[in-house]
Amino acid sequence: MAGLGDLDDIAMVTPESTVPDWMPPQHRSAVLTPEEAKALEPSSVCVLDLGSVLTRLRRSVDGQDPLEIHMRRTAINRLRVAFSRATEKRT
């Protein structure tokens, strides 16, 4: 990861609204949120912490709770934005 943020035309994107707590301080500035990455078109994107987001999305949702439905839809939209930034590779 140390060299990933320094490479040209590669974006490290978190699907969350903030950089993950586990990210070392020296690399935090290289990580973009979906909102920050939206106008970019790097050739490659590394989506961070994807497993935890997918696990959260797989949990059953009470179809009657409008807030849960909204939060789930927001998480899916953030993933879509994170993945759609890459013009060549998604990792």
PDB file of N, CA and C in Angstrom:
ATOM      1  N   MET A   1       0.820  -1.181   0.000  1.00  0.00           N
ATOM      2  CA  MET A   1       0.000   0.000   0.000  1.00  0.00           C
ATOM      3  C   MET A   1       0.869   1.252   0.000  1.00  0.00           C
ATOM      4  N   ALA A   2       2.055   1.153   0.543  1.00  0.00           N
ATOM      5  CA  ALA A   2       2.912   2.324   0.636  1.00  0.00           C
ATOM      6  C   ALA A   2       3.152   2.960  -0.723  1.00  0.00           C
ATOM      7  N   GLY A   3       3.363   2.167  -1.757  1.00  0.00           N
ATOM      8  CA  GLY A   3       3.630   2.710  -3.075  1.00  0.00           C
ATOM      9  C   GLY A   3       2.394   2.957  -3.909  1.00  0.00           C
ATOM     10  N   LEU A   4       1.286   2.366  -3.540  1.00  0.00           N
ATOM     11  CA  LEU A   4       0.067   2.471  -4.336  1.00  0.00           C
ATOM     12  C   LEU A   4      -0.424   3.903  -4.461  1.00  0.00           C
ATOM     13  N   GLY A   5      -0.426   4.642  -3.368  1.00  0.00           N
ATOM     14  CA  GLY A   5      -0.896   6.017  -3.394  1.00  0.00           C
ATOM     15  C   GLY A   5       0.014   6.949  -4.166  1.00  0.00           C
ATOM     16  N   ASP A   6       1.260   6.533  -4.375  1.00  0.00           N
ATOM     17  CA  ASP A   6       2.223   7.374  -5.090  1.00  0.00           C
ATOM     18  C   ASP A   6       2.215   7.142  -6.596  1.00  0.00           C
ATOM     19  N   LEU A   7       1.562   6.101  -7.056  1.00  0.00           N
ATOM     20  CA  LEU A   7       1.543   5.794  -8.479  1.00  0.00           C
ATOM     21  C   LEU A   7       0.611   6.740  -9.223  1.00  0.00           C
ATOM     22  N   ASP A   8       1.016   7.103 -10.428  1.00  0.00           N
ATOM     23  CA  ASP A   8       0.177   7.970 -11.247  1.00  0.00           C
ATOM     24  C   ASP A   8      -1.031   7.209 -11.753  1.00  0.00           C
ATOM     25  N   ASP A   9      -2.118   7.877 -11.817  1.00  0.00           N
ATOM     26  CA  ASP A   9      -3.354   7.382 -12.420  1.00  0.00           C
ATOM     27  C   ASP A   9      -3.965   6.180 -11.712  1.00  0.00           C
ATOM     28  N   ILE A  10      -3.702   6.047 -10.413  1.00  0.00           N
ATOM     29  CA  ILE A  10      -4.357   5.041  -9.587  1.00  0.00           C
ATOM     30  C   ILE A  10      -5.007   5.781  -8.428  1.00  0.00           C
ATOM     31  N   ALA A  11      -6.272   5.487  -8.196  1.00  0.00           N
ATOM     32  CA  ALA A  11      -6.979   6.119  -7.088  1.00  0.00           C
ATOM     33  C   ALA A  11      -7.331   5.077  -6.039  1.00  0.00           C
ATOM     34  N   MET A  12      -7.040   5.379  -4.781  1.00  0.00           N
ATOM     35  CA  MET A  12      -7.496   4.556  -3.669  1.00  0.00           C
ATOM     36  C   MET A  12      -8.781   5.207  -3.174  1.00  0.00           C
ATOM     37  N   VAL A  13      -9.879   4.458  -3.234  1.00  0.00           N
ATOM     38  CA  VAL A  13     -11.185   5.010  -2.877  1.00  0.00           C
ATOM     39  C   VAL A  13     -11.811   4.174  -1.774  1.00  0.00           C
ATOM     40  N   THR A  14     -12.315   4.838  -0.753  1.00  0.00           N
ATOM     41  CA  THR A  14     -13.092   4.160   0.269  1.00  0.00           C
ATOM     42  C   THR A  14     -14.564   4.317  -0.079  1.00  0.00           C
ATOM     43  N   PRO A  15     -15.361   3.268   0.060  1.00  0.00           N
ATOM     44  CA  PRO A  15     -16.779   3.413  -0.225  1.00  0.00           C
ATOM     45  C   PRO A  15     -17.550   4.083   0.916  1.00  0.00           C
ATOM     46  N   GLU A  16     -16.850   4.473   1.949  1.00  0.00           N
ATOM     47  CA  GLU A  16     -17.464   5.131   3.098  1.00  0.00           C
ATOM     48  C   GLU A  16     -17.325   6.649   2.973  1.00  0.00           C
ATOM     49  N   SER A  17     -17.896   7.369   3.921  1.00  0.00           N
ATOM     50  CA  SER A  17     -17.809   8.828   3.880  1.00  0.00           C
ATOM     51  C   SER A  17     -16.528   9.350   4.523  1.00  0.00           C
ATOM     52  N   THR A  18     -15.786   8.466   5.194  1.00  0.00           N
ATOM     53  CA  THR A  18     -14.516   8.852   5.815  1.00  0.00           C
ATOM     54  C   THR A  18     -13.468   7.778   5.539  1.00  0.00           C
ATOM     55  N   VAL A  19     -12.229   8.141   5.688  1.00  0.00           N
ATOM     56  CA  VAL A  19     -11.115   7.200   5.510  1.00  0.00           C
ATOM     57  C   VAL A  19     -11.140   6.198   6.669  1.00  0.00           C
ATOM     58  N   PRO A  20     -10.932   4.905   6.389  1.00  0.00           N
ATOM     59  CA  PRO A  20     -10.958   3.905   7.465  1.00  0.00           C
ATOM     60  C   PRO A  20      -9.943   4.209   8.566  1.00  0.00           C
ATOM     61  N   ASP A  21     -10.314   3.901   9.797  1.00  0.00           N
ATOM     62  CA  ASP A  21      -9.435   4.147  10.944  1.00  0.00           C
ATOM     63  C   ASP A  21      -8.130   3.370  10.849  1.00  0.00           C
ATOM     64  N   TRP A  22      -8.150   2.210  10.194  1.00  0.00           N
ATOM     65  CA  TRP A  22      -6.941   1.386  10.112  1.00  0.00           C
ATOM     66  C   TRP A  22      -5.901   1.945   9.137  1.00  0.00           C
ATOM     67  N   MET A  23      -6.280   2.937   8.336  1.00  0.00           N
ATOM     68  CA  MET A  23      -5.349   3.512   7.362  1.00  0.00           C
ATOM     69  C   MET A  23      -4.265   4.308   8.102  1.00  0.00           C
ATOM     70  N   PRO A  24      -2.984   4.001   7.858  1.00  0.00           N
ATOM     71  CA  PRO A  24      -1.899   4.731   8.522  1.00  0.00           C
ATOM     72  C   PRO A  24      -1.965   6.233   8.195  1.00  0.00           C
ATOM     73  N   PRO A  25      -1.620   7.067   9.155  1.00  0.00           N
ATOM     74  CA  PRO A  25      -1.710   8.518   8.965  1.00  0.00           C
ATOM     75  C   PRO A  25      -0.980   9.027   7.724  1.00  0.00           C
ATOM     76  N   GLN A  26       0.161   8.436   7.396  1.00  0.00           N
ATOM     77  CA  GLN A  26       0.935   8.918   6.254  1.00  0.00           C
ATOM     78  C   GLN A  26       0.259   8.630   4.909  1.00  0.00           C
ATOM     79  N   HIS A  27      -0.750   7.761   4.886  1.00  0.00           N
ATOM     80  CA  HIS A  27      -1.440   7.412   3.638  1.00  0.00           C
ATOM     81  C   HIS A  27      -2.859   7.961   3.552  1.00  0.00           C
ATOM     82  N   ARG A  28      -3.356   8.525   4.639  1.00  0.00           N
ATOM     83  CA  ARG A  28      -4.751   8.974   4.692  1.00  0.00           C
ATOM     84  C   ARG A  28      -5.078  10.017   3.622  1.00  0.00           C
ATOM     85  N   SER A  29      -4.141  10.891   3.320  1.00  0.00           N
ATOM     86  CA  SER A  29      -4.417  11.955   2.341  1.00  0.00           C
ATOM     87  C   SER A  29      -4.538  11.417   0.915  1.00  0.00           C
ATOM     88  N   ALA A  30      -4.063  10.196   0.678  1.00  0.00           N
ATOM     89  CA  ALA A  30      -4.138   9.606  -0.662  1.00  0.00           C
ATOM     90  C   ALA A  30      -5.464   8.879  -0.905  1.00  0.00           C
ATOM     91  N   VAL A  31      -6.258   8.704   0.149  1.00  0.00           N
ATOM     92  CA  VAL A  31      -7.521   7.973   0.040  1.00  0.00           C
ATOM     93  C   VAL A  31      -8.658   8.958  -0.224  1.00  0.00           C
ATOM     94  N   LEU A  32      -9.459   8.644  -1.225  1.00  0.00           N
ATOM     95  CA  LEU A  32     -10.581   9.500  -1.610  1.00  0.00           C
ATOM     96  C   LEU A  32     -11.906   8.875  -1.200  1.00  0.00           C
ATOM     97  N   THR A  33     -12.869   9.711  -0.886  1.00  0.00           N
ATOM     98  CA  THR A  33     -14.240   9.244  -0.698  1.00  0.00           C
ATOM     99  C   THR A  33     -14.895   9.229  -2.075  1.00  0.00           C
ATOM    100  N   PRO A  34     -16.035   8.578  -2.226  1.00  0.00           N
ATOM    101  CA  PRO A  34     -16.709   8.600  -3.530  1.00  0.00           C
ATOM    102  C   PRO A  34     -17.001  10.035  -4.016  1.00  0.00           C
ATOM    103  N   GLU A  35     -17.342  10.916  -3.100  1.00  0.00           N
ATOM    104  CA  GLU A  35     -17.616  12.301  -3.486  1.00  0.00           C
ATOM    105  C   GLU A  35     -16.371  12.982  -4.052  1.00  0.00           C
ATOM    106  N   GLU A  36     -15.224  12.711  -3.443  1.00  0.00           N
ATOM    107  CA  GLU A  36     -13.965  13.309  -3.905  1.00  0.00           C
ATOM    108  C   GLU A  36     -13.511  12.692  -5.228  1.00  0.00           C
ATOM    109  N   ALA A  37     -13.827  11.436  -5.443  1.00  0.00           N
ATOM    110  CA  ALA A  37     -13.374  10.733  -6.648  1.00  0.00           C
ATOM    111  C   ALA A  37     -14.305  10.926  -7.834  1.00  0.00           C
ATOM    112  N   LYS A  38     -15.468  11.488  -7.602  1.00  0.00           N
ATOM    113  CA  LYS A  38     -16.506  11.523  -8.631  1.00  0.00           C
ATOM    114  C   LYS A  38     -16.057  12.169  -9.943  1.00  0.00           C
ATOM    115  N   ALA A  39     -15.289  13.227  -9.892  1.00  0.00           N
ATOM    116  CA  ALA A  39     -14.886  13.932 -11.116  1.00  0.00           C
ATOM    117  C   ALA A  39     -13.616  13.349 -11.738  1.00  0.00           C
ATOM    118  N   LEU A  40     -13.007  12.377 -11.087  1.00  0.00           N
ATOM    119  CA  LEU A  40     -11.754  11.806 -11.586  1.00  0.00           C
ATOM    120  C   LEU A  40     -12.011  10.646 -12.536  1.00  0.00           C
ATOM    121  N   GLU A  41     -11.035  10.374 -13.386  1.00  0.00           N
ATOM    122  CA  GLU A  41     -11.097   9.218 -14.276  1.00  0.00           C
ATOM    123  C   GLU A  41      -9.729   8.540 -14.322  1.00  0.00           C
ATOM    124  N   PRO A  42      -9.295   7.973 -13.182  1.00  0.00           N
ATOM    125  CA  PRO A  42      -8.007   7.280 -13.182  1.00  0.00           C
ATOM    126  C   PRO A  42      -8.114   5.992 -13.993  1.00  0.00           C
ATOM    127  N   SER A  43      -6.974   5.483 -14.434  1.00  0.00           N
ATOM    128  CA  SER A  43      -7.011   4.223 -15.181  1.00  0.00           C
ATOM    129  C   SER A  43      -7.334   3.051 -14.265  1.00  0.00           C
ATOM    130  N   SER A  44      -6.947   3.142 -12.993  1.00  0.00           N
ATOM    131  CA  SER A  44      -7.186   2.057 -12.045  1.00  0.00           C
ATOM    132  C   SER A  44      -7.719   2.598 -10.725  1.00  0.00           C
ATOM    133  N   VAL A  45      -8.550   1.782 -10.079  1.00  0.00           N
ATOM    134  CA  VAL A  45      -9.106   2.143  -8.777  1.00  0.00           C
ATOM    135  C   VAL A  45      -8.932   0.969  -7.832  1.00  0.00           C
ATOM    136  N   CYS A  46      -8.480   1.252  -6.632  1.00  0.00           N
ATOM    137  CA  CYS A  46      -8.411   0.267  -5.564  1.00  0.00           C
ATOM    138  C   CYS A  46      -9.482   0.668  -4.548  1.00  0.00           C
ATOM    139  N   VAL A  47     -10.520  -0.160  -4.411  1.00  0.00           N
ATOM    140  CA  VAL A  47     -11.594   0.127  -3.463  1.00  0.00           C
ATOM    141  C   VAL A  47     -11.224  -0.512  -2.128  1.00  0.00           C
ATOM    142  N   LEU A  48     -11.090   0.307  -1.108  1.00  0.00           N
ATOM    143  CA  LEU A  48     -10.662  -0.157   0.206  1.00  0.00           C
ATOM    144  C   LEU A  48     -11.828  -0.693   1.026  1.00  0.00           C
ATOM    145  N   ASP A  49     -11.542  -1.675   1.846  1.00  0.00           N
ATOM    146  CA  ASP A  49     -12.498  -2.196   2.823  1.00  0.00           C
ATOM    147  C   ASP A  49     -13.779  -2.726   2.185  1.00  0.00           C
ATOM    148  N   LEU A  50     -13.662  -3.231   0.973  1.00  0.00           N
ATOM    149  CA  LEU A  50     -14.827  -3.700   0.232  1.00  0.00           C
ATOM    150  C   LEU A  50     -15.550  -4.847   0.947  1.00  0.00           C
ATOM    151  N   GLY A  51     -14.797  -5.752   1.533  1.00  0.00           N
ATOM    152  CA  GLY A  51     -15.396  -6.899   2.211  1.00  0.00           C
ATOM    153  C   GLY A  51     -16.341  -6.508   3.328  1.00  0.00           C
ATOM    154  N   SER A  52     -15.956  -5.534   4.134  1.00  0.00           N
ATOM    155  CA  SER A  52     -16.821  -5.136   5.247  1.00  0.00           C
ATOM    156  C   SER A  52     -18.107  -4.476   4.742  1.00  0.00           C
ATOM    157  N   VAL A  53     -18.009  -3.726   3.656  1.00  0.00           N
ATOM    158  CA  VAL A  53     -19.208  -3.090   3.090  1.00  0.00           C
ATOM    159  C   VAL A  53     -20.150  -4.151   2.526  1.00  0.00           C
ATOM    160  N   LEU A  54     -19.595  -5.110   1.782  1.00  0.00           N
ATOM    161  CA  LEU A  54     -20.426  -6.162   1.217  1.00  0.00           C
ATOM    162  C   LEU A  54     -21.070  -7.026   2.302  1.00  0.00           C
ATOM    163  N   THR A  55     -20.340  -7.293   3.365  1.00  0.00           N
ATOM    164  CA  THR A  55     -20.892  -8.059   4.481  1.00  0.00           C
ATOM    165  C   THR A  55     -22.061  -7.318   5.099  1.00  0.00           C
ATOM    166  N   ARG A  56     -21.897  -6.031   5.290  1.00  0.00           N
ATOM    167  CA  ARG A  56     -22.976  -5.211   5.848  1.00  0.00           C
ATOM    168  C   ARG A  56     -24.204  -5.210   4.925  1.00  0.00           C
ATOM    169  N   LEU A  57     -23.964  -5.149   3.619  1.00  0.00           N
ATOM    170  CA  LEU A  57     -25.072  -5.131   2.663  1.00  0.00           C
ATOM    171  C   LEU A  57     -25.790  -6.476   2.577  1.00  0.00           C
ATOM    172  N   ARG A  58     -25.084  -7.558   2.858  1.00  0.00           N
ATOM    173  CA  ARG A  58     -25.686  -8.893   2.773  1.00  0.00           C
ATOM    174  C   ARG A  58     -26.639  -9.172   3.916  1.00  0.00           C
ATOM    175  N   ARG A  59     -26.476  -8.472   5.014  1.00  0.00           N
ATOM    176  CA  ARG A  59     -27.376  -8.682   6.146  1.00  0.00           C
ATOM    177  C   ARG A  59     -28.799  -8.360   5.712  1.00  0.00           C
ATOM    178  N   SER A  60     -29.711  -9.132   6.203  1.00  0.00           N
ATOM    179  CA  SER A  60     -31.103  -8.895   5.817  1.00  0.00           C
ATOM    180  C   SER A  60     -31.565  -7.543   6.339  1.00  0.00           C
ATOM    181  N   VAL A  61     -32.393  -6.912   5.546  1.00  0.00           N
ATOM    182  CA  VAL A  61     -32.907  -5.598   5.889  1.00  0.00           C
ATOM    183  C   VAL A  61     -34.398  -5.726   6.171  1.00  0.00           C
ATOM    184  N   ASP A  62     -34.803  -5.134   7.251  1.00  0.00           N
ATOM    185  CA  ASP A  62     -36.231  -5.084   7.530  1.00  0.00           C
ATOM    186  C   ASP A  62     -36.856  -4.163   6.496  1.00  0.00           C
ATOM    187  N   GLY A  63     -37.622  -4.735   5.590  1.00  0.00           N
ATOM    188  CA  GLY A  63     -38.179  -3.983   4.472  1.00  0.00           C
ATOM    189  C   GLY A  63     -39.088  -2.839   4.858  1.00  0.00           C
ATOM    190  N   GLN A  64     -39.439  -2.746   6.112  1.00  0.00           N
ATOM    191  CA  GLN A  64     -40.358  -1.703   6.543  1.00  0.00           C
ATOM    192  C   GLN A  64     -39.648  -0.484   7.132  1.00  0.00           C
ATOM    193  N   ASP A  65     -38.364  -0.565   7.372  1.00  0.00           N
ATOM    194  CA  ASP A  65     -37.642   0.538   8.002  1.00  0.00           C
ATOM    195  C   ASP A  65     -37.070   1.468   6.937  1.00  0.00           C
ATOM    196  N   PRO A  66     -37.679   2.640   6.720  1.00  0.00           N
ATOM    197  CA  PRO A  66     -37.228   3.555   5.667  1.00  0.00           C
ATOM    198  C   PRO A  66     -35.774   4.022   5.844  1.00  0.00           C
ATOM    199  N   LEU A  67     -35.329   4.197   7.084  1.00  0.00           N
ATOM    200  CA  LEU A  67     -33.947   4.635   7.309  1.00  0.00           C
ATOM    201  C   LEU A  67     -32.964   3.554   6.878  1.00  0.00           C
ATOM    202  N   GLU A  68     -33.231   2.292   7.235  1.00  0.00           N
ATOM    203  CA  GLU A  68     -32.353   1.185   6.815  1.00  0.00           C
ATOM    204  C   GLU A  68     -32.312   1.066   5.298  1.00  0.00           C
ATOM    205  N   ILE A  69     -33.463   1.201   4.672  1.00  0.00           N
ATOM    206  CA  ILE A  69     -33.524   1.122   3.212  1.00  0.00           C
ATOM    207  C   ILE A  69     -32.705   2.246   2.598  1.00  0.00           C
ATOM    208  N   HIS A  70     -32.825   3.445   3.133  1.00  0.00           N
ATOM    209  CA  HIS A  70     -32.063   4.597   2.622  1.00  0.00           C
ATOM    210  C   HIS A  70     -30.558   4.388   2.822  1.00  0.00           C
ATOM    211  N   MET A  71     -30.158   3.916   4.004  1.00  0.00           N
ATOM    212  CA  MET A  71     -28.735   3.703   4.282  1.00  0.00           C
ATOM    213  C   MET A  71     -28.155   2.623   3.369  1.00  0.00           C
ATOM    214  N   ARG A  72     -28.924   1.590   3.111  1.00  0.00           N
ATOM    215  CA  ARG A  72     -28.478   0.524   2.218  1.00  0.00           C
ATOM    216  C   ARG A  72     -28.321   1.055   0.789  1.00  0.00           C
ATOM    217  N   ARG A  73     -29.290   1.816   0.322  1.00  0.00           N
ATOM    218  CA  ARG A  73     -29.238   2.402  -1.019  1.00  0.00           C
ATOM    219  C   ARG A  73     -28.041   3.346  -1.139  1.00  0.00           C
ATOM    220  N   THR A  74     -27.773   4.134  -0.102  1.00  0.00           N
ATOM    221  CA  THR A  74     -26.624   5.037  -0.108  1.00  0.00           C
ATOM    222  C   THR A  74     -25.318   4.256  -0.205  1.00  0.00           C
ATOM    223  N   ALA A  75     -25.205   3.167   0.550  1.00  0.00           N
ATOM    224  CA  ALA A  75     -23.991   2.339   0.503  1.00  0.00           C
ATOM    225  C   ALA A  75     -23.795   1.745  -0.889  1.00  0.00           C
ATOM    226  N   ILE A  76     -24.867   1.289  -1.510  1.00  0.00           N
ATOM    227  CA  ILE A  76     -24.774   0.733  -2.859  1.00  0.00           C
ATOM    228  C   ILE A  76     -24.366   1.813  -3.856  1.00  0.00           C
ATOM    229  N   ASN A  77     -24.919   2.987  -3.731  1.00  0.00           N
ATOM    230  CA  ASN A  77     -24.554   4.091  -4.621  1.00  0.00           C
ATOM    231  C   ASN A  77     -23.087   4.486  -4.459  1.00  0.00           C
ATOM    232  N   ARG A  78     -22.599   4.485  -3.223  1.00  0.00           N
ATOM    233  CA  ARG A  78     -21.191   4.824  -2.980  1.00  0.00           C
ATOM    234  C   ARG A  78     -20.271   3.788  -3.633  1.00  0.00           C
ATOM    235  N   LEU A  79     -20.640   2.511  -3.558  1.00  0.00           N
ATOM    236  CA  LEU A  79     -19.858   1.466  -4.223  1.00  0.00           C
ATOM    237  C   LEU A  79     -19.869   1.660  -5.736  1.00  0.00           C
ATOM    238  N   ARG A  80     -21.020   1.970  -6.266  1.00  0.00           N
ATOM    239  CA  ARG A  80     -21.136   2.187  -7.714  1.00  0.00           C
ATOM    240  C   ARG A  80     -20.227   3.325  -8.151  1.00  0.00           C
ATOM    241  N   VAL A  81     -20.224   4.417  -7.425  1.00  0.00           N
ATOM    242  CA  VAL A  81     -19.364   5.553  -7.765  1.00  0.00           C
ATOM    243  C   VAL A  81     -17.899   5.162  -7.638  1.00  0.00           C
ATOM    244  N   ALA A  82     -17.542   4.469  -6.561  1.00  0.00           N
ATOM    245  CA  ALA A  82     -16.143   4.071  -6.352  1.00  0.00           C
ATOM    246  C   ALA A  82     -15.645   3.199  -7.503  1.00  0.00           C
ATOM    247  N   PHE A  83     -16.452   2.223  -7.917  1.00  0.00           N
ATOM    248  CA  PHE A  83     -16.032   1.320  -8.988  1.00  0.00           C
ATOM    249  C   PHE A  83     -16.074   1.962 -10.369  1.00  0.00           C
ATOM    250  N   SER A  84     -16.976   2.858 -10.575  1.00  0.00           N
ATOM    251  CA  SER A  84     -17.135   3.415 -11.926  1.00  0.00           C
ATOM    252  C   SER A  84     -16.098   4.474 -12.273  1.00  0.00           C
ATOM    253  N   ARG A  85     -15.231   4.848 -11.368  1.00  0.00           N
ATOM    254  CA  ARG A  85     -14.205   5.859 -11.650  1.00  0.00           C
ATOM    255  C   ARG A  85     -13.115   5.313 -12.552  1.00  0.00           C
ATOM    256  N   ALA A  86     -12.812   4.046 -12.467  1.00  0.00           N
ATOM    257  CA  ALA A  86     -11.692   3.465 -13.222  1.00  0.00           C
ATOM    258  C   ALA A  86     -12.030   3.371 -14.708  1.00  0.00           C
ATOM    259  N   THR A  87     -11.060   3.701 -15.537  1.00  0.00           N
ATOM    260  CA  THR A  87     -11.243   3.567 -16.977  1.00  0.00           C
ATOM    261  C   THR A  87     -10.680   2.231 -17.479  1.00  0.00           C
ATOM    262  N   GLU A  88      -9.829   1.568 -16.657  1.00  0.00           N
ATOM    263  CA  GLU A  88      -9.244   0.297 -17.091  1.00  0.00           C
ATOM    264  C   GLU A  88      -9.394  -0.814 -16.076  1.00  0.00           C
ATOM    265  N   LYS A  89      -8.860  -0.635 -14.839  1.00  0.00           N
ATOM    266  CA  LYS A  89      -8.825  -1.715 -13.869  1.00  0.00           C
ATOM    267  C   LYS A  89      -9.519  -1.318 -12.580  1.00  0.00           C
ATOM    268  N   ARG A  90     -10.181  -2.317 -11.977  1.00  0.00           N
ATOM    269  CA  ARG A  90     -10.788  -2.154 -10.661  1.00  0.00           C
ATOM    270  C   ARG A  90     -10.226  -3.262  -9.782  1.00  0.00           C
ATOM    271  N   THR A  91      -9.713  -2.897  -8.610  1.00  0.00           N
ATOM    272  CA  THR A  91      -9.149  -3.910  -7.714  1.00  0.00           C
ATOM    273  C   THR A  91      -9.745  -3.809  -6.331  1.00  0.00           C
TER     274      THR A  91
END
